[in-house]
Amino acid sequence: MFVRLEEWRHVFKLDPDRELTDEALEKICLSGTDVVMVGGSSGITFDNTVDLLARIRRYEVPCVLEISNQEAIVPGFDLFMIPIVLNAGNPEWIVGQHHQALKEYGALLDWNQIVTEGYIILNGESTAAKLTQANTDLTLKDVEAYARMTERLFRCPVVYLEYSGMFGNMEWVRKIKGLLGEARLFYGGGVDGPERAREAAEAAHTVVVGNALYENLDGALATVTAVKSV
């Protein structure tokens, strides 16, 4: 079973490096979310990724891997998502790691299973921003230019506005969505309950909920219905 990318409205993002009980995982996988995404910014290994995949595969929910570490590429996911951090200060996160991965695995890849994401990280205090040395001192014009770059120059099907750890500027999110013709706008950051979920769903095509699963599970689960009611 798989939901087409253009039909994704709600995504739960699970971090292999964080603890999650079997009971919590069951609630997440049976919540009605469109997709479970596996990924994180640090501590991701082959072992903890394959372990989490095996636990998720007990359920019928579609499961995708967002690759942040080429050592943790695990077969068996429905789709593989490759982030390109456009505002990264370290080019390793724009082309460096991608080049190394393709050098190693390029001849083996099924390109029908791969989706590229143009990431724009907007919370300078987040782990992702620090890891990639992202320049988060951006104006709306800067973000608009990155969004156009993602869709028009690089032809990525996903523009991802990442505010990880804080709730972002929904006015900016709405404006970026309005610029896009074909790419899908993903929003992630600070969605910890139904109210913010509805705000984000009104502004973006797809809402990603991650940290709240580990901090306020009931609030996170309530985001599914909230997003799909918009």
Protein backbone atom coordinates (compact mmCIF):
# COMPACT_ATOMS: atom_id res chain seq x y z
CA MET A 1 0.00 0.00 0.00
CA PHE A 2 1.33 3.44 -0.89
CA VAL A 3 -0.10 6.95 -1.05
CA ARG A 4 1.10 9.13 -3.90
CA LEU A 5 3.26 12.10 -2.90
CA GLU A 6 0.69 14.62 -4.11
CA GLU A 7 -1.88 13.07 -1.76
CA TRP A 8 0.20 13.38 1.40
CA ARG A 9 -1.43 15.76 3.84
CA HIS A 10 -0.04 14.52 7.14
CA VAL A 11 3.29 12.84 7.92
CA PHE A 12 4.65 11.54 11.22
CA LYS A 13 8.46 11.66 11.37
CA LEU A 14 10.19 9.15 13.63
CA ASP A 15 13.80 9.42 14.77
CA PRO A 16 15.64 6.08 15.02
CA ASP A 17 17.88 7.58 17.72
CA ARG A 18 14.97 8.29 20.10
CA GLU A 19 13.11 5.85 22.33
CA LEU A 20 9.53 4.96 21.44
CA THR A 21 7.47 2.27 23.16
CA ASP A 22 5.62 -0.40 21.18
CA GLU A 23 2.33 1.00 22.48
CA ALA A 24 3.16 4.50 21.24
CA LEU A 25 4.33 3.17 17.87
CA GLU A 26 1.08 1.25 17.43
CA LYS A 27 -0.96 4.39 18.08
CA ILE A 28 1.15 6.32 15.57
CA CYS A 29 0.90 3.70 12.83
CA LEU A 30 -2.86 3.27 13.29
CA SER A 31 -3.54 7.01 13.60
CA GLY A 32 -4.60 7.60 10.01
CA THR A 33 -1.47 9.54 9.07
CA ASP A 34 -0.69 9.28 5.35
CA VAL A 35 2.94 8.29 5.80
CA VAL A 36 5.50 7.48 8.47
CA MET A 37 8.88 9.03 7.65
CA VAL A 38 12.04 7.75 9.31
CA GLY A 39 14.89 10.21 9.69
CA GLY A 40 16.83 12.54 11.97
CA SER A 41 19.80 14.86 12.23
CA SER A 42 22.13 12.89 14.49
CA GLY A 43 22.77 9.43 15.90
CA ILE A 44 21.31 7.66 12.85
CA THR A 45 22.86 4.24 12.18
CA PHE A 46 22.07 1.24 10.02
CA ASP A 47 21.17 -0.80 13.09
CA ASN A 48 18.71 1.62 14.69
CA THR A 49 17.15 2.40 11.30
CA VAL A 50 16.59 -1.24 10.33
CA ASP A 51 15.22 -1.94 13.81
CA LEU A 52 12.67 0.87 13.55
CA LEU A 53 11.68 -0.21 10.02
CA ALA A 54 11.04 -3.77 11.24
CA ARG A 55 8.78 -2.46 14.01
CA ILE A 56 6.81 -0.20 11.64
CA ARG A 57 6.36 -3.01 9.09
CA ARG A 58 4.02 -4.78 11.51
CA TYR A 59 1.46 -2.25 10.28
CA GLU A 60 0.17 -1.32 6.83
CA VAL A 61 1.09 2.37 6.95
CA PRO A 62 3.40 3.52 4.11
CA CYS A 63 6.96 4.07 5.34
CA VAL A 64 9.69 6.23 3.77
CA LEU A 65 13.30 6.90 4.67
CA GLU A 66 14.73 10.42 4.68
CA ILE A 67 18.43 9.84 4.17
CA SER A 68 20.75 11.98 6.28
CA ASN A 69 23.56 9.43 6.63
CA GLN A 70 24.63 7.19 3.77
CA GLU A 71 25.81 4.56 6.26
CA ALA A 72 22.20 4.20 7.36
CA ILE A 73 20.65 3.47 3.96
CA VAL A 74 18.37 0.50 4.61
CA PRO A 75 16.47 -1.35 1.85
CA GLY A 76 12.79 -2.14 2.25
CA PHE A 77 11.26 1.33 2.51
CA ASP A 78 8.49 2.38 0.10
CA LEU A 79 10.38 5.52 -0.90
CA PHE A 80 13.72 7.19 -0.25
CA MET A 81 13.81 10.97 0.24
CA ILE A 82 17.04 12.88 -0.35
CA PRO A 83 17.33 16.30 1.33
CA ILE A 84 19.37 19.02 -0.37
CA VAL A 85 19.90 21.77 2.21
CA LEU A 86 19.93 24.84 0.00
CA ASN A 87 20.99 27.29 2.70
CA ALA A 88 23.65 25.03 4.20
CA GLY A 89 26.97 26.75 4.90
CA ASN A 90 28.72 23.41 4.53
CA PRO A 91 28.53 22.14 0.91
CA GLU A 92 28.63 18.56 2.21
CA TRP A 93 24.87 18.94 2.74
CA ILE A 94 24.24 20.35 -0.75
CA VAL A 95 26.29 18.07 -3.00
CA GLY A 96 29.10 16.47 -0.96
CA GLN A 97 27.36 13.57 0.73
CA HIS A 98 25.12 13.08 -2.29
CA HIS A 99 28.19 12.68 -4.52
CA GLN A 100 29.70 10.10 -2.19
CA ALA A 101 26.45 8.15 -1.97
CA LEU A 102 26.05 8.03 -5.74
CA LYS A 103 29.68 7.06 -6.17
CA GLU A 104 28.99 4.08 -3.91
CA TYR A 105 25.41 3.13 -4.80
CA GLY A 106 24.55 5.00 -8.03
CA ALA A 107 24.49 1.92 -10.26
CA LEU A 108 22.20 0.06 -7.85
CA LEU A 109 19.51 2.67 -7.27
CA ASP A 110 15.92 2.39 -8.46
CA TRP A 111 15.27 6.02 -9.36
CA ASN A 112 11.52 5.43 -9.30
CA GLN A 113 11.86 5.08 -5.52
CA ILE A 114 13.78 8.32 -4.98
CA VAL A 115 12.43 11.81 -4.29
CA THR A 116 14.60 14.90 -3.79
CA GLU A 117 13.65 17.61 -1.30
CA GLY A 118 14.89 21.19 -1.41
CA TYR A 119 15.35 21.92 2.31
CA ILE A 120 15.31 25.44 3.71
CA ILE A 121 16.21 25.41 7.41
CA LEU A 122 14.82 28.44 9.24
CA ASN A 123 15.53 27.82 12.94
CA GLY A 124 19.15 28.62 13.64
CA GLU A 125 19.01 26.91 17.05
CA SER A 126 17.96 23.54 15.64
CA THR A 127 20.27 20.53 15.47
CA ALA A 128 19.83 20.43 11.69
CA ALA A 129 20.93 24.07 11.34
CA LYS A 130 24.02 23.54 13.47
CA LEU A 131 24.94 20.31 11.71
CA THR A 132 24.69 21.83 8.24
CA GLN A 133 25.98 25.27 9.32
CA ALA A 134 22.84 26.72 7.75
CA ASN A 135 22.52 30.44 7.13
CA THR A 136 19.14 31.10 8.75
CA ASP A 137 19.40 34.91 8.71
CA LEU A 138 17.10 35.08 5.70
CA THR A 139 14.50 37.50 4.40
CA LEU A 140 11.26 36.39 2.75
CA LYS A 141 12.86 37.25 -0.62
CA ASP A 142 15.71 34.86 0.19
CA VAL A 143 13.29 32.06 1.00
CA GLU A 144 11.26 32.74 -2.13
CA ALA A 145 14.44 32.53 -4.21
CA TYR A 146 15.34 29.17 -2.63
CA ALA A 147 11.83 27.89 -3.34
CA ARG A 148 12.05 28.94 -6.98
CA MET A 149 15.50 27.37 -7.19
CA THR A 150 14.13 24.10 -5.82
CA GLU A 151 11.20 23.90 -8.21
CA ARG A 152 12.47 25.60 -11.35
CA LEU A 153 16.22 25.00 -11.42
CA PHE A 154 16.60 21.68 -9.63
CA ARG A 155 13.13 20.30 -10.47
CA CYS A 156 12.69 18.85 -6.99
CA PRO A 157 9.12 17.69 -6.30
CA VAL A 158 9.30 18.85 -2.65
CA VAL A 159 10.13 22.20 -1.06
CA TYR A 160 10.62 21.64 2.68
CA LEU A 161 10.43 24.56 5.12
CA GLU A 162 12.06 23.25 8.30
CA TYR A 163 11.57 25.18 11.54
CA SER A 164 12.45 22.16 13.71
CA GLY A 165 11.94 23.01 17.38
CA MET A 166 9.76 26.09 16.88
CA PHE A 167 6.50 27.06 15.19
CA GLY A 168 7.26 29.07 12.09
CA ASN A 169 5.95 32.12 10.29
CA MET A 170 2.73 30.93 8.63
CA GLU A 171 2.49 34.07 6.52
CA TRP A 172 5.82 33.15 4.93
CA VAL A 173 4.67 29.56 4.51
CA ARG A 174 1.50 30.68 2.71
CA LYS A 175 3.49 32.95 0.39
CA ILE A 176 5.92 30.16 -0.53
CA LYS A 177 3.03 27.81 -1.25
CA GLY A 178 1.54 30.45 -3.55
CA LEU A 179 4.74 30.57 -5.60
CA LEU A 180 4.78 26.87 -6.38
CA GLY A 181 3.19 25.42 -9.45
CA GLU A 182 4.22 21.76 -9.36
CA ALA A 183 6.36 21.17 -6.27
CA ARG A 184 4.70 20.24 -3.00
CA LEU A 185 5.35 22.38 0.08
CA PHE A 186 6.20 20.43 3.24
CA TYR A 187 6.18 22.26 6.56
CA GLY A 188 7.80 20.98 9.75
CA GLY A 189 8.34 22.57 13.15
CA GLY A 190 6.46 23.15 16.39
CA VAL A 191 3.24 21.38 15.42
CA ASP A 192 2.34 20.03 18.85
CA GLY A 193 -1.45 19.88 18.79
CA PRO A 194 -4.58 20.35 16.67
CA GLU A 195 -4.63 24.17 16.67
CA ARG A 196 -1.17 24.57 15.20
CA ALA A 197 -1.79 21.58 12.93
CA ARG A 198 -4.78 23.36 11.38
CA GLU A 199 -2.77 26.58 10.94
CA ALA A 200 0.04 24.71 9.22
CA ALA A 201 -2.37 22.70 7.04
CA GLU A 202 -3.98 25.92 5.81
CA ALA A 203 -0.57 27.30 4.86
CA ALA A 204 1.26 24.25 3.42
CA HIS A 205 0.39 21.22 1.31
CA THR A 206 1.85 18.70 3.77
CA VAL A 207 2.39 18.94 7.53
CA VAL A 208 5.20 16.95 9.18
CA VAL A 209 4.94 16.21 12.91
CA GLY A 210 8.03 14.90 14.69
CA ASN A 211 9.21 16.16 18.09
CA ALA A 212 5.70 16.24 19.55
CA LEU A 213 5.50 12.44 19.27
CA TYR A 214 8.17 12.22 21.97
CA GLU A 215 7.00 15.15 24.08
CA ASN A 216 3.18 15.09 23.90
CA LEU A 217 1.94 11.95 22.18
CA ASP A 218 -1.77 12.65 22.62
CA GLY A 219 -1.37 16.15 21.17
CA ALA A 220 0.62 14.78 18.26
CA LEU A 221 -1.98 12.10 17.49
CA ALA A 222 -4.70 14.76 17.45
CA THR A 223 -2.90 16.54 14.60
CA VAL A 224 -3.98 13.89 12.09
CA THR A 225 -7.69 14.71 12.26
CA ALA A 226 -6.93 18.44 12.50
CA VAL A 227 -4.85 18.46 9.31
CA LYS A 228 -7.35 16.38 7.37
CA SER A 229 -10.24 18.60 8.43
CA VAL A 230 -8.73 21.56 6.55
